[in-house]
C-alpha cells in the first residue's frame, strides 16, 4: 500500500457497526438501485466519491448506510 493511500484511510471518520449494510440490504432499502448498479458504483468508488461509504473486509464489501445517504444528497440536482 502506498503512503498516500494509507494516510487517506487513516483520515476517515470511524464507522458505526449498526450503519453497515450488505449490497443486498441496501438494494432492498433503496429500490432505486439494483445490486448490479450498486456494484458498479462501488467499482468506481474512488472516482465518484463513494469510497468513504465503503468498508472492505477481505472479500466482503459493506456499505455505511449513513454515508451512502450523505453521498446521495451531495449528488442531488447535479444531473440534468
C-alpha atoms as a PDB file:
ATOM      1  CA  UNK A   1       0.000   0.000   0.000  1.00  0.00           C
ATOM      2  CA  UNK A   2       1.340   3.378  -0.856  1.00  0.00           C
ATOM      3  CA  UNK A   3       1.871   6.017   1.796  1.00  0.00           C
ATOM      4  CA  UNK A   4      -0.760   8.262   0.194  1.00  0.00           C
ATOM      5  CA  UNK A   5      -3.462   5.586   0.373  1.00  0.00           C
ATOM      6  CA  UNK A   6      -2.574   4.717   3.957  1.00  0.00           C
ATOM      7  CA  UNK A   7      -2.813   8.332   5.085  1.00  0.00           C
ATOM      8  CA  UNK A   8      -6.155   8.791   3.292  1.00  0.00           C
ATOM      9  CA  UNK A   9      -7.601   5.761   5.103  1.00  0.00           C
ATOM     10  CA  UNK A  10      -6.326   6.972   8.461  1.00  0.00           C
ATOM     11  CA  UNK A  11      -8.200  10.268   7.999  1.00  0.00           C
ATOM     12  CA  UNK A  12     -11.585   8.562   7.645  1.00  0.00           C
ATOM     13  CA  UNK A  13     -14.047   9.043  10.433  1.00  0.00           C
ATOM     14  CA  UNK A  14     -14.935   5.886  12.355  1.00  0.00           C
ATOM     15  CA  UNK A  15     -17.860   3.859  11.040  1.00  0.00           C
ATOM     16  CA  UNK A  16     -20.559   2.698  13.417  1.00  0.00           C
ATOM     17  CA  UNK A  17     -21.344  -1.004  13.088  1.00  0.00           C
ATOM     18  CA  UNK A  18     -25.111  -0.561  13.081  1.00  0.00           C
ATOM     19  CA  UNK A  19     -24.838   1.540   9.897  1.00  0.00           C
ATOM     20  CA  UNK A  20     -23.179  -1.236   7.881  1.00  0.00           C
ATOM     21  CA  UNK A  21     -25.273  -2.998   5.243  1.00  0.00           C
ATOM     22  CA  UNK A  22     -24.596  -5.598   2.589  1.00  0.00           C
ATOM     23  CA  UNK A  23     -25.168  -4.688  -1.040  1.00  0.00           C
ATOM     24  CA  UNK A  24     -28.397  -6.718  -0.996  1.00  0.00           C
ATOM     25  CA  UNK A  25     -29.679  -4.924   2.095  1.00  0.00           C
ATOM     26  CA  UNK A  26     -29.011  -1.510   0.556  1.00  0.00           C
ATOM     27  CA  UNK A  27     -30.789  -2.587  -2.641  1.00  0.00           C
ATOM     28  CA  UNK A  28     -33.820  -3.667  -0.565  1.00  0.00           C
ATOM     29  CA  UNK A  29     -33.900  -0.419   1.412  1.00  0.00           C
ATOM     30  CA  UNK A  30     -33.356   1.765  -1.644  1.00  0.00           C
ATOM     31  CA  UNK A  31     -35.147   0.125  -4.600  1.00  0.00           C
ATOM     32  CA  UNK A  32     -33.933   2.840  -6.970  1.00  0.00           C
ATOM     33  CA  UNK A  33     -30.606   0.946  -7.005  1.00  0.00           C
ATOM     34  CA  UNK A  34     -30.304  -2.672  -8.108  1.00  0.00           C
ATOM     35  CA  UNK A  35     -27.487  -4.827  -6.746  1.00  0.00           C
ATOM     36  CA  UNK A  36     -25.770  -4.573 -10.128  1.00  0.00           C
ATOM     37  CA  UNK A  37     -25.983  -0.779 -10.079  1.00  0.00           C
ATOM     38  CA  UNK A  38     -24.562  -0.672  -6.541  1.00  0.00           C
ATOM     39  CA  UNK A  39     -21.691  -2.968  -7.538  1.00  0.00           C
ATOM     40  CA  UNK A  40     -20.863  -0.665 -10.445  1.00  0.00           C
ATOM     41  CA  UNK A  41     -20.895   2.359  -8.120  1.00  0.00           C
ATOM     42  CA  UNK A  42     -18.600   0.501  -5.714  1.00  0.00           C
ATOM     43  CA  UNK A  43     -16.242  -0.460  -8.551  1.00  0.00           C
ATOM     44  CA  UNK A  44     -15.874   3.216  -9.454  1.00  0.00           C
ATOM     45  CA  UNK A  45     -15.987   4.499  -5.856  1.00  0.00           C
ATOM     46  CA  UNK A  46     -12.508   6.099  -5.948  1.00  0.00           C
ATOM     47  CA  UNK A  47     -13.624   8.199  -8.927  1.00  0.00           C
ATOM     48  CA  UNK A  48     -17.204   9.035  -7.930  1.00  0.00           C
ATOM     49  CA  UNK A  49     -16.551   9.923  -4.279  1.00  0.00           C
ATOM     50  CA  UNK A  50     -18.361   6.947  -2.744  1.00  0.00           C
ATOM     51  CA  UNK A  51     -15.196   5.478  -1.196  1.00  0.00           C
ATOM     52  CA  UNK A  52     -15.817   6.858   2.344  1.00  0.00           C
ATOM     53  CA  UNK A  53     -19.084   4.870   2.464  1.00  0.00           C
ATOM     54  CA  UNK A  54     -17.408   1.563   1.531  1.00  0.00           C
ATOM     55  CA  UNK A  55     -15.973  -0.855   4.084  1.00  0.00           C
ATOM     56  CA  UNK A  56     -13.930  -3.748   2.727  1.00  0.00           C
ATOM     57  CA  UNK A  57     -13.287  -6.748   4.962  1.00  0.00           C
ATOM     58  CA  UNK A  58     -11.422  -9.304   2.897  1.00  0.00           C
ATOM     59  CA  UNK A  59     -13.791 -10.209   0.073  1.00  0.00           C
ATOM     60  CA  UNK A  60     -16.833  -8.805   1.862  1.00  0.00           C
ATOM     61  CA  UNK A  61     -17.923  -5.321   0.856  1.00  0.00           C
ATOM     62  CA  UNK A  62     -20.232  -3.407   3.173  1.00  0.00           C
ATOM     63  CA  UNK A  63     -21.841  -0.014   2.754  1.00  0.00           C
ATOM     64  CA  UNK A  64     -22.170   2.519   5.556  1.00  0.00           C
ATOM     65  CA  UNK A  65     -25.814   3.492   5.011  1.00  0.00           C
ATOM     66  CA  UNK A  66     -25.457   6.884   6.695  1.00  0.00           C
ATOM     67  CA  UNK A  67     -22.512   7.893   4.497  1.00  0.00           C
ATOM     68  CA  UNK A  68     -24.230   6.453   1.410  1.00  0.00           C
ATOM     69  CA  UNK A  69     -27.247   8.688   2.090  1.00  0.00           C
ATOM     70  CA  UNK A  70     -24.933  11.692   2.555  1.00  0.00           C
ATOM     71  CA  UNK A  71     -23.292  10.862  -0.779  1.00  0.00           C
ATOM     72  CA  UNK A  72     -26.709  10.680  -2.458  1.00  0.00           C
ATOM     73  CA  UNK A  73     -27.713  14.053  -1.018  1.00  0.00           C
ATOM     74  CA  UNK A  74     -24.482  15.619  -2.334  1.00  0.00           C
ATOM     75  CA  UNK A  75     -25.393  14.467  -5.859  1.00  0.00           C
ATOM     76  CA  UNK A  76     -28.978  15.722  -5.917  1.00  0.00           C
ATOM     77  CA  UNK A  77     -29.685  18.012  -8.825  1.00  0.00           C
ATOM     78  CA  UNK A  78     -26.292  17.547 -10.487  1.00  0.00           C
ATOM     79  CA  UNK A  79     -27.677  15.684 -13.491  1.00  0.00           C
ATOM     80  CA  UNK A  80     -29.944  17.393 -15.990  1.00  0.00           C
END
